[in-house]
Amino acid sequence: MPYSRRACCALSAIIAGLFGVGGFSSAGLSSAGLSSANTASANTASANAVQSAPSTREAKKPSLSLRVTPPVGFAPLRTRLVVDVREGDNDYADFYCPTVEWDWGDGTVSANSEDCDPYEAGKSEIRRRFSTEHIFRQAGAFRVAFRLKQKDRVVASSTVNVQVRSGLSQF
């Protein structure tokens, strides 16, 4: 059965009302040709859609960016690693007061954690930068891993490669 222009516009107004688009009102729906019973039905459907929508938005997880300076050099190679926590929510719960773990790829692992106040949504703020230094004493290719952990659970990680060549003292 073909749709009339009036019914199509009324349907568009109902859909727009459900999704919060445009400035349609029940008065606009009535003038589009719907009876008061249909208008009440549309208003109820709109109210039900609003009630079924989640009341809180989903938290946006930040991302990690890991850099090493220098990425290539001669042993012993002193490196500086910096992790920037980008985008995402400032109060992202999994990133609040984590244990920070550096796996150097050379058989050593460093970890530290801070003593923090209890987490409060909307109030607690995550740390946005982590940095450290490490000396690679032997030649080789190393994959350095940075991990943020909550208890034993890894909540985020990033890796970078370091290439260490034999130094003069190793001949």
N, C-alpha and C. Protein backbone atom coordinates (compact mmCIF):
# COMPACT_ATOMS: atom_id res chain seq x y z
N MET A 1 0.85 -1.16 0.00
CA MET A 1 0.00 0.00 0.00
C MET A 1 0.91 1.23 0.00
N PRO A 2 0.67 2.16 -0.93
CA PRO A 2 1.52 3.34 -1.02
C PRO A 2 1.28 4.27 0.17
N TYR A 3 2.33 4.97 0.59
CA TYR A 3 2.24 5.92 1.69
C TYR A 3 1.88 7.29 1.16
N SER A 4 1.05 7.99 1.89
CA SER A 4 0.74 9.36 1.50
C SER A 4 1.85 10.26 2.02
N ARG A 5 1.95 11.44 1.41
CA ARG A 5 2.96 12.41 1.83
C ARG A 5 2.75 12.79 3.30
N ARG A 6 1.49 12.95 3.71
CA ARG A 6 1.17 13.35 5.07
C ARG A 6 1.63 12.28 6.07
N ALA A 7 1.37 11.00 5.77
CA ALA A 7 1.78 9.91 6.65
C ALA A 7 3.30 9.80 6.71
N CYS A 8 3.96 10.02 5.58
CA CYS A 8 5.42 9.96 5.53
C CYS A 8 6.01 11.05 6.41
N CYS A 9 5.48 12.28 6.32
CA CYS A 9 5.99 13.38 7.14
C CYS A 9 5.74 13.12 8.62
N ALA A 10 4.58 12.57 8.93
CA ALA A 10 4.26 12.27 10.33
C ALA A 10 5.19 11.21 10.86
N LEU A 11 5.47 10.18 10.06
CA LEU A 11 6.39 9.12 10.46
C LEU A 11 7.79 9.69 10.67
N SER A 12 8.23 10.58 9.79
CA SER A 12 9.53 11.22 9.94
C SER A 12 9.59 12.02 11.22
N ALA A 13 8.50 12.70 11.57
CA ALA A 13 8.46 13.49 12.79
C ALA A 13 8.56 12.61 14.01
N ILE A 14 7.89 11.46 13.98
CA ILE A 14 7.95 10.52 15.11
C ILE A 14 9.37 10.00 15.27
N ILE A 15 9.99 9.59 14.18
CA ILE A 15 11.36 9.07 14.23
C ILE A 15 12.31 10.14 14.72
N ALA A 16 12.15 11.36 14.22
CA ALA A 16 13.01 12.45 14.65
C ALA A 16 12.82 12.71 16.14
N GLY A 17 11.61 12.62 16.62
CA GLY A 17 11.34 12.82 18.04
C GLY A 17 11.98 11.75 18.90
N LEU A 18 11.98 10.50 18.39
CA LEU A 18 12.58 9.40 19.14
C LEU A 18 14.08 9.57 19.28
N PHE A 19 14.71 10.12 18.26
CA PHE A 19 16.15 10.25 18.26
C PHE A 19 16.62 11.66 18.58
N GLY A 20 15.70 12.54 18.97
CA GLY A 20 16.09 13.88 19.39
C GLY A 20 16.54 14.75 18.24
N VAL A 21 16.09 14.49 17.03
CA VAL A 21 16.50 15.27 15.88
C VAL A 21 15.43 16.28 15.55
N GLY A 22 15.80 17.48 15.24
CA GLY A 22 14.84 18.49 14.80
C GLY A 22 14.03 19.02 15.95
N GLY A 23 13.08 19.88 15.63
CA GLY A 23 12.29 20.50 16.67
C GLY A 23 10.83 20.13 16.58
N PHE A 24 10.52 18.87 16.37
CA PHE A 24 9.13 18.44 16.25
C PHE A 24 8.48 18.37 17.62
N SER A 25 7.20 18.66 17.66
CA SER A 25 6.43 18.56 18.90
C SER A 25 5.15 17.81 18.62
N SER A 26 4.42 17.49 19.67
CA SER A 26 3.16 16.80 19.45
C SER A 26 2.19 17.69 18.69
N ALA A 27 2.30 19.01 18.85
CA ALA A 27 1.44 19.92 18.09
C ALA A 27 1.78 19.81 16.62
N GLY A 28 3.06 19.70 16.30
CA GLY A 28 3.47 19.54 14.91
C GLY A 28 2.97 18.24 14.35
N LEU A 29 2.95 17.20 15.16
CA LEU A 29 2.45 15.92 14.69
C LEU A 29 0.96 16.00 14.40
N SER A 30 0.19 16.67 15.25
CA SER A 30 -1.24 16.79 15.04
C SER A 30 -1.52 17.57 13.77
N SER A 31 -0.76 18.63 13.55
CA SER A 31 -1.02 19.41 12.34
C SER A 31 -0.58 18.67 11.11
N ALA A 32 0.25 17.65 11.25
CA ALA A 32 0.66 16.86 10.10
C ALA A 32 -0.42 15.86 9.71
N GLY A 33 -1.49 15.79 10.50
CA GLY A 33 -2.59 14.94 10.08
C GLY A 33 -2.83 13.74 10.97
N LEU A 34 -2.13 13.60 12.08
CA LEU A 34 -2.37 12.47 12.96
C LEU A 34 -3.51 12.82 13.91
N SER A 35 -4.30 11.84 14.26
CA SER A 35 -5.36 12.06 15.24
C SER A 35 -4.74 12.17 16.62
N SER A 36 -5.51 12.64 17.59
CA SER A 36 -4.99 12.79 18.95
C SER A 36 -4.62 11.43 19.53
N ALA A 37 -5.30 10.36 19.15
CA ALA A 37 -4.96 9.01 19.63
C ALA A 37 -3.59 8.61 19.09
N ASN A 38 -3.34 8.90 17.80
CA ASN A 38 -2.03 8.58 17.22
C ASN A 38 -0.94 9.45 17.84
N THR A 39 -1.25 10.70 18.14
CA THR A 39 -0.28 11.59 18.76
C THR A 39 0.08 11.09 20.14
N ALA A 40 -0.90 10.67 20.93
CA ALA A 40 -0.63 10.13 22.26
C ALA A 40 0.22 8.88 22.15
N SER A 41 -0.09 8.05 21.17
CA SER A 41 0.68 6.83 20.95
C SER A 41 2.12 7.18 20.61
N ALA A 42 2.30 8.19 19.76
CA ALA A 42 3.66 8.61 19.38
C ALA A 42 4.39 9.16 20.58
N ASN A 43 3.69 9.95 21.42
CA ASN A 43 4.34 10.51 22.61
C ASN A 43 4.74 9.40 23.58
N THR A 44 3.89 8.38 23.74
CA THR A 44 4.20 7.25 24.62
C THR A 44 5.41 6.49 24.08
N ALA A 45 5.43 6.27 22.77
CA ALA A 45 6.56 5.56 22.16
C ALA A 45 7.84 6.36 22.38
N SER A 46 7.75 7.67 22.22
CA SER A 46 8.91 8.53 22.43
C SER A 46 9.37 8.48 23.88
N ALA A 47 8.45 8.53 24.83
CA ALA A 47 8.79 8.47 26.25
C ALA A 47 9.42 7.13 26.59
N ASN A 48 8.87 6.03 26.03
CA ASN A 48 9.43 4.70 26.29
C ASN A 48 10.85 4.60 25.74
N ALA A 49 11.08 5.19 24.57
CA ALA A 49 12.42 5.13 23.99
C ALA A 49 13.41 5.89 24.87
N VAL A 50 13.00 7.01 25.41
CA VAL A 50 13.88 7.79 26.27
C VAL A 50 14.15 7.03 27.56
N GLN A 51 13.14 6.37 28.14
CA GLN A 51 13.33 5.64 29.39
C GLN A 51 14.23 4.43 29.19
N SER A 52 14.18 3.81 28.01
CA SER A 52 14.99 2.61 27.81
C SER A 52 16.43 2.94 27.44
N ALA A 53 16.70 4.20 27.10
CA ALA A 53 18.06 4.59 26.78
C ALA A 53 18.89 4.57 28.07
N PRO A 54 20.17 4.18 27.97
CA PRO A 54 21.00 4.16 29.16
C PRO A 54 21.15 5.57 29.72
N SER A 55 21.15 5.67 31.05
CA SER A 55 21.20 6.97 31.68
C SER A 55 22.62 7.52 31.78
N THR A 56 23.62 6.65 31.67
CA THR A 56 25.00 7.11 31.71
C THR A 56 25.68 6.72 30.41
N ARG A 57 26.57 7.59 29.98
CA ARG A 57 27.30 7.28 28.76
C ARG A 57 28.43 6.32 29.06
N GLU A 58 28.86 5.60 28.06
CA GLU A 58 29.94 4.65 28.24
C GLU A 58 31.27 5.40 28.31
N ALA A 59 32.12 5.01 29.23
CA ALA A 59 33.41 5.67 29.40
C ALA A 59 34.29 5.41 28.18
N LYS A 60 35.03 6.43 27.76
CA LYS A 60 35.90 6.30 26.60
C LYS A 60 37.32 5.96 27.08
N LYS A 61 37.82 4.82 26.61
CA LYS A 61 39.13 4.34 27.03
C LYS A 61 40.23 5.14 26.34
N PRO A 62 41.20 5.63 27.11
CA PRO A 62 42.34 6.32 26.52
C PRO A 62 43.24 5.33 25.78
N SER A 63 44.12 5.86 24.94
CA SER A 63 45.09 5.02 24.22
C SER A 63 46.50 5.39 24.69
N LEU A 64 47.45 4.50 24.43
CA LEU A 64 48.84 4.71 24.84
C LEU A 64 49.72 4.97 23.63
N SER A 65 50.68 5.85 23.80
CA SER A 65 51.68 6.12 22.77
C SER A 65 53.05 6.02 23.44
N LEU A 66 53.85 5.03 23.04
CA LEU A 66 55.16 4.77 23.65
C LEU A 66 56.27 5.18 22.68
N ARG A 67 57.22 5.99 23.19
CA ARG A 67 58.37 6.43 22.40
C ARG A 67 59.66 6.10 23.15
N VAL A 68 60.70 5.76 22.39
CA VAL A 68 62.02 5.51 22.98
C VAL A 68 63.03 6.40 22.26
N THR A 69 63.97 6.96 23.07
CA THR A 69 65.02 7.80 22.50
C THR A 69 66.34 7.38 23.12
N PRO A 70 67.34 7.03 22.38
CA PRO A 70 67.31 6.70 20.96
C PRO A 70 66.85 5.25 20.76
N PRO A 71 66.27 4.94 19.61
CA PRO A 71 65.81 3.57 19.36
C PRO A 71 66.94 2.64 18.92
N VAL A 72 68.08 3.23 18.48
CA VAL A 72 69.23 2.45 18.01
C VAL A 72 70.48 3.10 18.56
N GLY A 73 71.45 2.27 18.99
CA GLY A 73 72.71 2.82 19.48
C GLY A 73 73.67 1.71 19.87
N PHE A 74 74.80 2.13 20.43
CA PHE A 74 75.86 1.20 20.82
C PHE A 74 75.80 0.93 22.32
N ALA A 75 76.15 -0.33 22.68
CA ALA A 75 76.16 -0.72 24.10
C ALA A 75 77.34 -0.07 24.79
N PRO A 76 77.19 0.32 26.01
CA PRO A 76 75.94 0.37 26.78
C PRO A 76 75.08 1.55 26.29
N LEU A 77 73.82 1.27 26.05
CA LEU A 77 72.91 2.27 25.49
C LEU A 77 71.93 2.74 26.56
N ARG A 78 72.00 4.04 26.87
CA ARG A 78 71.05 4.64 27.82
C ARG A 78 69.86 5.14 27.00
N THR A 79 68.67 4.64 27.35
CA THR A 79 67.45 5.03 26.65
C THR A 79 66.50 5.75 27.60
N ARG A 80 65.69 6.60 27.02
CA ARG A 80 64.61 7.27 27.77
C ARG A 80 63.31 6.88 27.09
N LEU A 81 62.38 6.36 27.88
CA LEU A 81 61.08 5.94 27.35
C LEU A 81 60.00 6.82 27.94
N VAL A 82 59.07 7.24 27.08
CA VAL A 82 57.97 8.11 27.49
C VAL A 82 56.67 7.51 26.95
N VAL A 83 55.69 7.39 27.83
CA VAL A 83 54.36 6.94 27.43
C VAL A 83 53.39 8.09 27.66
N ASP A 84 52.69 8.46 26.60
CA ASP A 84 51.62 9.45 26.72
C ASP A 84 50.29 8.73 26.68
N VAL A 85 49.42 9.07 27.61
CA VAL A 85 48.06 8.52 27.64
C VAL A 85 47.19 9.54 26.92
N ARG A 86 46.68 9.15 25.76
CA ARG A 86 45.98 10.09 24.89
C ARG A 86 44.48 9.86 24.88
N GLU A 87 43.79 10.98 24.65
CA GLU A 87 42.34 10.98 24.49
C GLU A 87 41.66 10.28 25.67
N GLY A 88 40.46 9.84 25.46
CA GLY A 88 39.74 9.13 26.51
C GLY A 88 39.36 10.02 27.68
N ASP A 89 38.65 9.43 28.62
CA ASP A 89 38.16 10.16 29.78
C ASP A 89 39.26 10.40 30.80
N ASN A 90 39.23 11.56 31.43
CA ASN A 90 40.20 11.91 32.46
C ASN A 90 40.01 11.10 33.73
N ASP A 91 38.83 10.51 33.89
CA ASP A 91 38.56 9.72 35.09
C ASP A 91 38.31 8.25 34.75
N TYR A 92 38.95 7.75 33.68
CA TYR A 92 38.76 6.36 33.27
C TYR A 92 39.23 5.44 34.40
N ALA A 93 38.31 4.68 34.97
CA ALA A 93 38.56 3.91 36.20
C ALA A 93 39.73 2.94 36.10
N ASP A 94 39.85 2.20 35.00
CA ASP A 94 40.92 1.21 34.87
C ASP A 94 42.30 1.85 34.81
N PHE A 95 42.39 3.12 34.43
CA PHE A 95 43.68 3.78 34.33
C PHE A 95 44.02 4.57 35.59
N TYR A 96 43.11 4.58 36.56
CA TYR A 96 43.36 5.33 37.79
C TYR A 96 44.22 4.51 38.74
N CYS A 97 45.32 5.09 39.14
CA CYS A 97 46.22 4.50 40.13
C CYS A 97 46.63 3.06 39.78
N PRO A 98 47.17 2.87 38.56
CA PRO A 98 47.55 1.52 38.16
C PRO A 98 48.95 1.14 38.65
N THR A 99 49.26 -0.14 38.55
CA THR A 99 50.63 -0.59 38.68
C THR A 99 51.25 -0.41 37.30
N VAL A 100 52.43 0.18 37.25
CA VAL A 100 53.13 0.43 35.99
C VAL A 100 54.24 -0.61 35.87
N GLU A 101 54.25 -1.33 34.75
CA GLU A 101 55.25 -2.38 34.54
C GLU A 101 55.99 -2.14 33.24
N TRP A 102 57.32 -2.19 33.32
CA TRP A 102 58.19 -2.09 32.15
C TRP A 102 58.89 -3.43 32.00
N ASP A 103 58.67 -4.11 30.88
CA ASP A 103 59.39 -5.35 30.57
C ASP A 103 60.41 -4.98 29.51
N TRP A 104 61.69 -5.02 29.87
CA TRP A 104 62.74 -4.48 29.01
C TRP A 104 63.15 -5.40 27.88
N GLY A 105 62.72 -6.63 27.88
CA GLY A 105 63.07 -7.54 26.81
C GLY A 105 64.47 -8.11 26.94
N ASP A 106 65.19 -7.69 27.99
CA ASP A 106 66.55 -8.18 28.22
C ASP A 106 66.62 -9.05 29.46
N GLY A 107 65.46 -9.51 29.92
CA GLY A 107 65.40 -10.36 31.11
C GLY A 107 65.09 -9.60 32.38
N THR A 108 64.97 -8.29 32.30
CA THR A 108 64.65 -7.50 33.49
C THR A 108 63.25 -6.89 33.35
N VAL A 109 62.59 -6.77 34.48
CA VAL A 109 61.26 -6.16 34.55
C VAL A 109 61.26 -5.19 35.72
N SER A 110 60.70 -4.01 35.48
CA SER A 110 60.55 -3.00 36.55
C SER A 110 59.07 -2.76 36.75
N ALA A 111 58.66 -2.61 38.00
CA ALA A 111 57.25 -2.32 38.30
C ALA A 111 57.17 -1.39 39.49
N ASN A 112 56.18 -0.50 39.45
CA ASN A 112 55.93 0.36 40.61
C ASN A 112 54.46 0.74 40.64
N SER A 113 54.01 1.07 41.83
CA SER A 113 52.63 1.52 42.00
C SER A 113 52.62 2.64 43.03
N GLU A 114 51.56 3.42 43.01
CA GLU A 114 51.44 4.54 43.93
C GLU A 114 50.35 4.27 44.94
N ASP A 115 50.41 4.98 46.04
CA ASP A 115 49.36 4.92 47.04
C ASP A 115 48.39 6.06 46.71
N CYS A 116 47.16 5.74 46.33
CA CYS A 116 46.21 6.74 45.86
C CYS A 116 44.96 6.76 46.72
N ASP A 117 44.27 7.90 46.64
CA ASP A 117 42.95 8.00 47.27
C ASP A 117 41.99 7.07 46.54
N PRO A 118 40.92 6.63 47.18
CA PRO A 118 39.93 5.79 46.49
C PRO A 118 39.37 6.50 45.25
N TYR A 119 39.06 5.72 44.25
CA TYR A 119 38.54 6.26 42.98
C TYR A 119 37.15 6.87 43.18
N GLU A 120 36.94 8.05 42.60
CA GLU A 120 35.63 8.70 42.59
C GLU A 120 35.32 9.14 41.16
N ALA A 121 34.28 8.57 40.57
CA ALA A 121 33.89 8.91 39.19
C ALA A 121 33.64 10.40 39.08
N GLY A 122 34.18 11.00 38.02
CA GLY A 122 33.99 12.42 37.78
C GLY A 122 34.93 13.31 38.57
N LYS A 123 35.65 12.75 39.54
CA LYS A 123 36.54 13.55 40.38
C LYS A 123 37.99 13.10 40.26
N SER A 124 38.22 11.78 40.31
CA SER A 124 39.58 11.25 40.22
C SER A 124 40.11 11.47 38.81
N GLU A 125 41.41 11.79 38.71
CA GLU A 125 42.02 12.00 37.40
C GLU A 125 43.16 11.02 37.18
N ILE A 126 43.24 10.53 35.93
CA ILE A 126 44.30 9.60 35.59
C ILE A 126 45.58 10.36 35.29
N ARG A 127 46.68 9.66 35.42
CA ARG A 127 47.99 10.23 35.06
C ARG A 127 48.13 10.13 33.55
N ARG A 128 48.63 11.18 32.91
CA ARG A 128 48.70 11.24 31.45
C ARG A 128 50.10 11.01 30.88
N ARG A 129 51.12 10.89 31.72
CA ARG A 129 52.48 10.66 31.21
C ARG A 129 53.27 9.81 32.19
N PHE A 130 54.00 8.85 31.63
CA PHE A 130 54.90 8.01 32.40
C PHE A 130 56.25 8.04 31.68
N SER A 131 57.34 8.12 32.42
CA SER A 131 58.66 8.11 31.78
C SER A 131 59.67 7.43 32.69
N THR A 132 60.70 6.91 32.06
CA THR A 132 61.78 6.25 32.79
C THR A 132 63.00 6.15 31.89
N GLU A 133 64.11 5.71 32.47
CA GLU A 133 65.33 5.46 31.71
C GLU A 133 65.78 4.03 31.98
N HIS A 134 66.49 3.48 31.00
CA HIS A 134 67.02 2.12 31.15
C HIS A 134 68.32 2.03 30.35
N ILE A 135 69.28 1.30 30.88
CA ILE A 135 70.54 1.09 30.18
C ILE A 135 70.59 -0.35 29.69
N PHE A 136 70.78 -0.51 28.38
CA PHE A 136 70.96 -1.83 27.77
C PHE A 136 72.47 -2.05 27.68
N ARG A 137 72.95 -3.06 28.41
CA ARG A 137 74.40 -3.29 28.49
C ARG A 137 74.92 -4.26 27.45
N GLN A 138 74.03 -5.06 26.86
CA GLN A 138 74.43 -6.06 25.87
C GLN A 138 73.83 -5.72 24.51
N ALA A 139 74.52 -6.15 23.46
CA ALA A 139 74.00 -5.95 22.10
C ALA A 139 72.81 -6.88 21.86
N GLY A 140 71.91 -6.45 21.00
CA GLY A 140 70.76 -7.28 20.65
C GLY A 140 69.56 -6.45 20.25
N ALA A 141 68.52 -7.15 19.83
CA ALA A 141 67.25 -6.51 19.48
C ALA A 141 66.29 -6.79 20.64
N PHE A 142 65.72 -5.75 21.19
CA PHE A 142 64.88 -5.87 22.37
C PHE A 142 63.50 -5.28 22.09
N ARG A 143 62.49 -5.98 22.56
CA ARG A 143 61.11 -5.49 22.46
C ARG A 143 60.68 -5.07 23.87
N VAL A 144 60.56 -3.76 24.08
CA VAL A 144 60.20 -3.22 25.39
C VAL A 144 58.69 -3.13 25.47
N ALA A 145 58.13 -3.64 26.56
CA ALA A 145 56.67 -3.60 26.75
C ALA A 145 56.35 -2.74 27.97
N PHE A 146 55.37 -1.86 27.80
CA PHE A 146 54.84 -1.04 28.89
C PHE A 146 53.44 -1.55 29.18
N ARG A 147 53.14 -1.79 30.45
CA ARG A 147 51.81 -2.28 30.83
C ARG A 147 51.24 -1.48 31.99
N LEU A 148 49.96 -1.15 31.89
CA LEU A 148 49.20 -0.62 33.01
C LEU A 148 48.38 -1.77 33.55
N LYS A 149 48.45 -2.00 34.86
CA LYS A 149 47.76 -3.15 35.45
C LYS A 149 46.90 -2.71 36.64
N GLN A 150 45.79 -3.38 36.81
CA GLN A 150 44.96 -3.29 38.01
C GLN A 150 44.98 -4.68 38.62
N LYS A 151 45.63 -4.80 39.75
CA LYS A 151 45.90 -6.10 40.39
C LYS A 151 46.71 -6.93 39.40
N ASP A 152 46.26 -8.09 38.98
CA ASP A 152 47.02 -8.90 38.03
C ASP A 152 46.50 -8.78 36.61
N ARG A 153 45.54 -7.90 36.39
CA ARG A 153 44.91 -7.74 35.08
C ARG A 153 45.56 -6.59 34.31
N VAL A 154 46.02 -6.87 33.07
CA VAL A 154 46.59 -5.84 32.22
C VAL A 154 45.43 -5.07 31.59
N VAL A 155 45.38 -3.74 31.83
CA VAL A 155 44.29 -2.92 31.29
C VAL A 155 44.70 -2.18 30.03
N ALA A 156 46.02 -2.02 29.81
CA ALA A 156 46.52 -1.40 28.59
C ALA A 156 48.00 -1.74 28.45
N SER A 157 48.46 -1.81 27.20
CA SER A 157 49.88 -2.07 26.97
C SER A 157 50.31 -1.49 25.64
N SER A 158 51.61 -1.28 25.52
CA SER A 158 52.20 -0.79 24.28
C SER A 158 53.62 -1.31 24.22
N THR A 159 54.14 -1.50 23.01
CA THR A 159 55.51 -2.01 22.85
C THR A 159 56.29 -1.15 21.87
N VAL A 160 57.61 -1.22 21.99
CA VAL A 160 58.52 -0.52 21.08
C VAL A 160 59.79 -1.36 20.97
N ASN A 161 60.47 -1.26 19.83
CA ASN A 161 61.70 -2.02 19.59
C ASN A 161 62.93 -1.13 19.84
N VAL A 162 63.96 -1.75 20.42
CA VAL A 162 65.24 -1.09 20.65
C VAL A 162 66.32 -1.98 20.05
N GLN A 163 67.21 -1.39 19.27
CA GLN A 163 68.31 -2.13 18.65
C GLN A 163 69.62 -1.65 19.26
N VAL A 164 70.36 -2.57 19.89
CA VAL A 164 71.63 -2.22 20.54
C VAL A 164 72.75 -2.95 19.80
N ARG A 165 73.73 -2.18 19.34
CA ARG A 165 74.88 -2.75 18.62
C ARG A 165 76.06 -2.87 19.58
N SER A 166 76.99 -3.73 19.25
CA SER A 166 78.18 -3.92 20.08
C SER A 166 78.95 -2.63 20.18
N GLY A 167 79.36 -2.29 21.39
CA GLY A 167 80.17 -1.09 21.62
C GLY A 167 81.63 -1.43 21.59
N LEU A 168 82.49 -0.43 21.65
CA LEU A 168 83.93 -0.64 21.62
C LEU A 168 84.43 -1.46 22.80
N SER A 169 83.78 -1.31 23.93
CA SER A 169 84.22 -2.04 25.14
C SER A 169 83.91 -3.52 25.07
N GLN A 170 83.13 -3.92 24.09
CA GLN A 170 82.75 -5.34 24.00
C GLN A 170 83.63 -6.13 23.03
N PHE A 171 84.68 -5.51 22.45
CA PHE A 171 85.55 -6.22 21.52
C PHE A 171 86.70 -6.87 22.23
